[in-house]
Amino acid sequence: MQTTTLSSKGQVIIPKTLRAALRWAPGTQLEVHDTPEGVLLRPAVLAPKAALPEGLAAIRRRVAYAGPTVSLEDMDAAVLRMAAQAARGDRAAPGTKTASRKATQTTAAAATRKRTR
């Protein structure tokens, strides 16, 4: 039987021979169970990863997106469009609600600055 000491931070060192026998490497996540006999450490069972289609379907259900499927080409084009606008200093495309709202906010901020001077 081997003994170990509880540190001031609540840490316990598991003897190397035991870690090697159990194949517990640094970073191994352990479940901690309180039992009548004492504390039980058990390797945590991580949930299996879902395949990409199932994972994407679960995400879609969570966000409840009901719109059309967008192709990668359309997404790439939208990203390039937004990058070009950002490079020009535009925050939103002219004529959009976002652009109108931004213009209103900018005008209101300028009026506030004039009043406070």
C-alpha atoms as a PDB file:
ATOM      1  CA  MET A   1       0.000   0.000   0.000  1.00  0.00           C
ATOM      2  CA  GLN A   2       1.248   3.462  -0.896  1.00  0.00           C
ATOM      3  CA  THR A   3       0.282   6.726   0.792  1.00  0.00           C
ATOM      4  CA  THR A   4       0.058  10.283  -0.456  1.00  0.00           C
ATOM      5  CA  THR A   5      -0.632  13.691   1.099  1.00  0.00           C
ATOM      6  CA  LEU A   6      -3.391  16.195   0.391  1.00  0.00           C
ATOM      7  CA  SER A   7      -1.891  19.598  -0.523  1.00  0.00           C
ATOM      8  CA  SER A   8      -3.163  22.980   0.674  1.00  0.00           C
ATOM      9  CA  LYS A   9      -4.800  23.360  -2.755  1.00  0.00           C
ATOM     10  CA  GLY A  10      -6.694  20.078  -2.383  1.00  0.00           C
ATOM     11  CA  GLN A  11      -4.416  18.218  -4.788  1.00  0.00           C
ATOM     12  CA  VAL A  12      -3.382  14.595  -4.404  1.00  0.00           C
ATOM     13  CA  ILE A  13      -0.450  12.966  -6.178  1.00  0.00           C
ATOM     14  CA  ILE A  14      -1.291   9.522  -7.503  1.00  0.00           C
ATOM     15  CA  PRO A  15       1.865   7.383  -7.349  1.00  0.00           C
ATOM     16  CA  LYS A  16       3.626   6.922 -10.679  1.00  0.00           C
ATOM     17  CA  THR A  17       3.423   3.128 -10.612  1.00  0.00           C
ATOM     18  CA  LEU A  18      -0.359   3.292 -10.218  1.00  0.00           C
ATOM     19  CA  ARG A  19      -0.724   5.949 -12.953  1.00  0.00           C
ATOM     20  CA  ALA A  20       1.376   3.807 -15.303  1.00  0.00           C
ATOM     21  CA  ALA A  21      -0.606   0.645 -14.527  1.00  0.00           C
ATOM     22  CA  LEU A  22      -3.892   2.480 -15.178  1.00  0.00           C
ATOM     23  CA  ARG A  23      -2.462   4.320 -18.220  1.00  0.00           C
ATOM     24  CA  TRP A  24      -3.445   7.708 -16.779  1.00  0.00           C
ATOM     25  CA  ALA A  25      -1.405  10.344 -18.597  1.00  0.00           C
ATOM     26  CA  PRO A  26      -1.255  14.037 -17.669  1.00  0.00           C
ATOM     27  CA  GLY A  27      -4.553  15.659 -18.643  1.00  0.00           C
ATOM     28  CA  THR A  28      -6.623  12.510 -18.077  1.00  0.00           C
ATOM     29  CA  GLN A  29     -10.041  13.635 -16.851  1.00  0.00           C
ATOM     30  CA  LEU A  30     -11.308  11.725 -13.845  1.00  0.00           C
ATOM     31  CA  GLU A  31     -14.752  11.391 -12.309  1.00  0.00           C
ATOM     32  CA  VAL A  32     -14.736  11.733  -8.510  1.00  0.00           C
ATOM     33  CA  HIS A  33     -17.301   9.687  -6.577  1.00  0.00           C
ATOM     34  CA  ASP A  34     -17.961   9.738  -2.841  1.00  0.00           C
ATOM     35  CA  THR A  35     -18.552   6.160  -1.673  1.00  0.00           C
ATOM     36  CA  PRO A  36     -19.061   4.636   1.801  1.00  0.00           C
ATOM     37  CA  GLU A  37     -15.543   3.166   1.546  1.00  0.00           C
ATOM     38  CA  GLY A  38     -13.925   6.466   0.507  1.00  0.00           C
ATOM     39  CA  VAL A  39     -13.283   8.443  -2.664  1.00  0.00           C
ATOM     40  CA  LEU A  40     -13.392   6.623  -6.002  1.00  0.00           C
ATOM     41  CA  LEU A  41     -11.546   8.009  -9.043  1.00  0.00           C
ATOM     42  CA  ARG A  42     -12.658   6.754 -12.424  1.00  0.00           C
ATOM     43  CA  PRO A  43     -11.640   7.928 -15.936  1.00  0.00           C
ATOM     44  CA  ALA A  44     -14.343  10.219 -17.301  1.00  0.00           C
ATOM     45  CA  VAL A  45     -16.292   8.777 -20.207  1.00  0.00           C
ATOM     46  CA  LEU A  46     -16.442  11.464 -22.847  1.00  0.00           C
ATOM     47  CA  ALA A  47     -19.503  11.620 -25.059  1.00  0.00           C
ATOM     48  CA  PRO A  48     -18.809  10.228 -28.509  1.00  0.00           C
ATOM     49  CA  LYS A  49     -18.563  12.796 -31.246  1.00  0.00           C
ATOM     50  CA  ALA A  50     -21.384  12.799 -33.748  1.00  0.00           C
ATOM     51  CA  ALA A  51     -20.729  12.576 -37.461  1.00  0.00           C
ATOM     52  CA  LEU A  52     -20.738  15.933 -39.252  1.00  0.00           C
ATOM     53  CA  PRO A  53     -24.224  15.620 -40.835  1.00  0.00           C
ATOM     54  CA  GLU A  54     -25.809  14.652 -37.507  1.00  0.00           C
ATOM     55  CA  GLY A  55     -23.947  17.430 -35.677  1.00  0.00           C
ATOM     56  CA  LEU A  56     -25.044  20.036 -38.208  1.00  0.00           C
ATOM     57  CA  ALA A  57     -28.631  18.783 -38.029  1.00  0.00           C
ATOM     58  CA  ALA A  58     -28.546  19.169 -34.228  1.00  0.00           C
ATOM     59  CA  ILE A  59     -27.233  22.725 -34.533  1.00  0.00           C
ATOM     60  CA  ARG A  60     -29.931  23.597 -37.058  1.00  0.00           C
ATOM     61  CA  ARG A  61     -32.611  22.266 -34.700  1.00  0.00           C
ATOM     62  CA  ARG A  62     -31.240  24.391 -31.846  1.00  0.00           C
ATOM     63  CA  VAL A  63     -31.198  27.620 -33.819  1.00  0.00           C
ATOM     64  CA  ALA A  64     -34.420  26.754 -35.654  1.00  0.00           C
ATOM     65  CA  TYR A  65     -33.156  28.086 -38.994  1.00  0.00           C
ATOM     66  CA  ALA A  66     -35.907  27.647 -41.527  1.00  0.00           C
ATOM     67  CA  GLY A  67     -34.312  29.497 -44.440  1.00  0.00           C
ATOM     68  CA  PRO A  68     -32.917  28.096 -47.654  1.00  0.00           C
ATOM     69  CA  THR A  69     -29.640  26.216 -47.836  1.00  0.00           C
ATOM     70  CA  VAL A  70     -26.815  28.525 -48.921  1.00  0.00           C
ATOM     71  CA  SER A  71     -24.034  27.201 -51.138  1.00  0.00           C
ATOM     72  CA  LEU A  72     -20.367  27.614 -50.268  1.00  0.00           C
ATOM     73  CA  GLU A  73     -19.944  29.798 -53.347  1.00  0.00           C
ATOM     74  CA  ASP A  74     -22.686  32.161 -52.110  1.00  0.00           C
ATOM     75  CA  MET A  75     -21.096  32.299 -48.652  1.00  0.00           C
ATOM     76  CA  ASP A  76     -17.657  33.006 -50.146  1.00  0.00           C
ATOM     77  CA  ALA A  77     -19.112  35.782 -52.281  1.00  0.00           C
ATOM     78  CA  ALA A  78     -20.841  37.340 -49.263  1.00  0.00           C
ATOM     79  CA  VAL A  79     -17.621  37.222 -47.215  1.00  0.00           C
ATOM     80  CA  LEU A  80     -15.654  38.844 -50.046  1.00  0.00           C
ATOM     81  CA  ARG A  81     -18.343  41.530 -50.415  1.00  0.00           C
ATOM     82  CA  MET A  82     -18.224  42.315 -46.685  1.00  0.00           C
ATOM     83  CA  ALA A  83     -14.401  42.317 -46.691  1.00  0.00           C
ATOM     84  CA  ALA A  84     -14.394  44.803 -49.583  1.00  0.00           C
ATOM     85  CA  GLN A  85     -16.872  47.024 -47.713  1.00  0.00           C
ATOM     86  CA  ALA A  86     -14.753  46.850 -44.570  1.00  0.00           C
ATOM     87  CA  ALA A  87     -11.652  47.779 -46.569  1.00  0.00           C
ATOM     88  CA  ARG A  88     -13.493  50.846 -47.887  1.00  0.00           C
ATOM     89  CA  GLY A  89     -14.613  51.722 -44.363  1.00  0.00           C
ATOM     90  CA  ASP A  90     -18.270  50.887 -45.022  1.00  0.00           C
ATOM     91  CA  ARG A  91     -20.086  49.192 -42.165  1.00  0.00           C
ATOM     92  CA  ALA A  92     -23.058  48.050 -44.217  1.00  0.00           C
ATOM     93  CA  ALA A  93     -24.230  48.106 -47.801  1.00  0.00           C
ATOM     94  CA  PRO A  94     -25.981  51.366 -48.792  1.00  0.00           C
ATOM     95  CA  GLY A  95     -29.760  51.175 -48.672  1.00  0.00           C
ATOM     96  CA  THR A  96     -29.940  48.434 -46.067  1.00  0.00           C
ATOM     97  CA  LYS A  97     -31.653  48.786 -42.709  1.00  0.00           C
ATOM     98  CA  THR A  98     -28.275  48.458 -41.008  1.00  0.00           C
ATOM     99  CA  ALA A  99     -26.817  51.265 -43.113  1.00  0.00           C
ATOM    100  CA  SER A 100     -29.817  53.510 -42.390  1.00  0.00           C
ATOM    101  CA  ARG A 101     -29.634  52.750 -38.665  1.00  0.00           C
ATOM    102  CA  LYS A 102     -25.882  53.438 -38.649  1.00  0.00           C
ATOM    103  CA  ALA A 103     -26.375  56.765 -40.429  1.00  0.00           C
ATOM    104  CA  THR A 104     -29.051  57.760 -37.892  1.00  0.00           C
ATOM    105  CA  GLN A 105     -26.773  56.793 -34.992  1.00  0.00           C
ATOM    106  CA  THR A 106     -23.862  58.747 -36.496  1.00  0.00           C
ATOM    107  CA  THR A 107     -26.042  61.847 -36.988  1.00  0.00           C
ATOM    108  CA  ALA A 108     -27.394  61.604 -33.439  1.00  0.00           C
ATOM    109  CA  ALA A 109     -23.895  61.193 -32.016  1.00  0.00           C
ATOM    110  CA  ALA A 110     -22.666  64.258 -33.922  1.00  0.00           C
ATOM    111  CA  ALA A 111     -25.593  66.314 -32.620  1.00  0.00           C
ATOM    112  CA  THR A 112     -24.861  65.189 -29.064  1.00  0.00           C
ATOM    113  CA  ARG A 113     -21.185  66.182 -29.408  1.00  0.00           C
ATOM    114  CA  LYS A 114     -22.179  69.658 -30.645  1.00  0.00           C
ATOM    115  CA  ARG A 115     -24.501  70.173 -27.666  1.00  0.00           C
ATOM    116  CA  THR A 116     -21.920  69.101 -25.110  1.00  0.00           C
ATOM    117  CA  ARG A 117     -19.185  71.448 -26.329  1.00  0.00           C
END
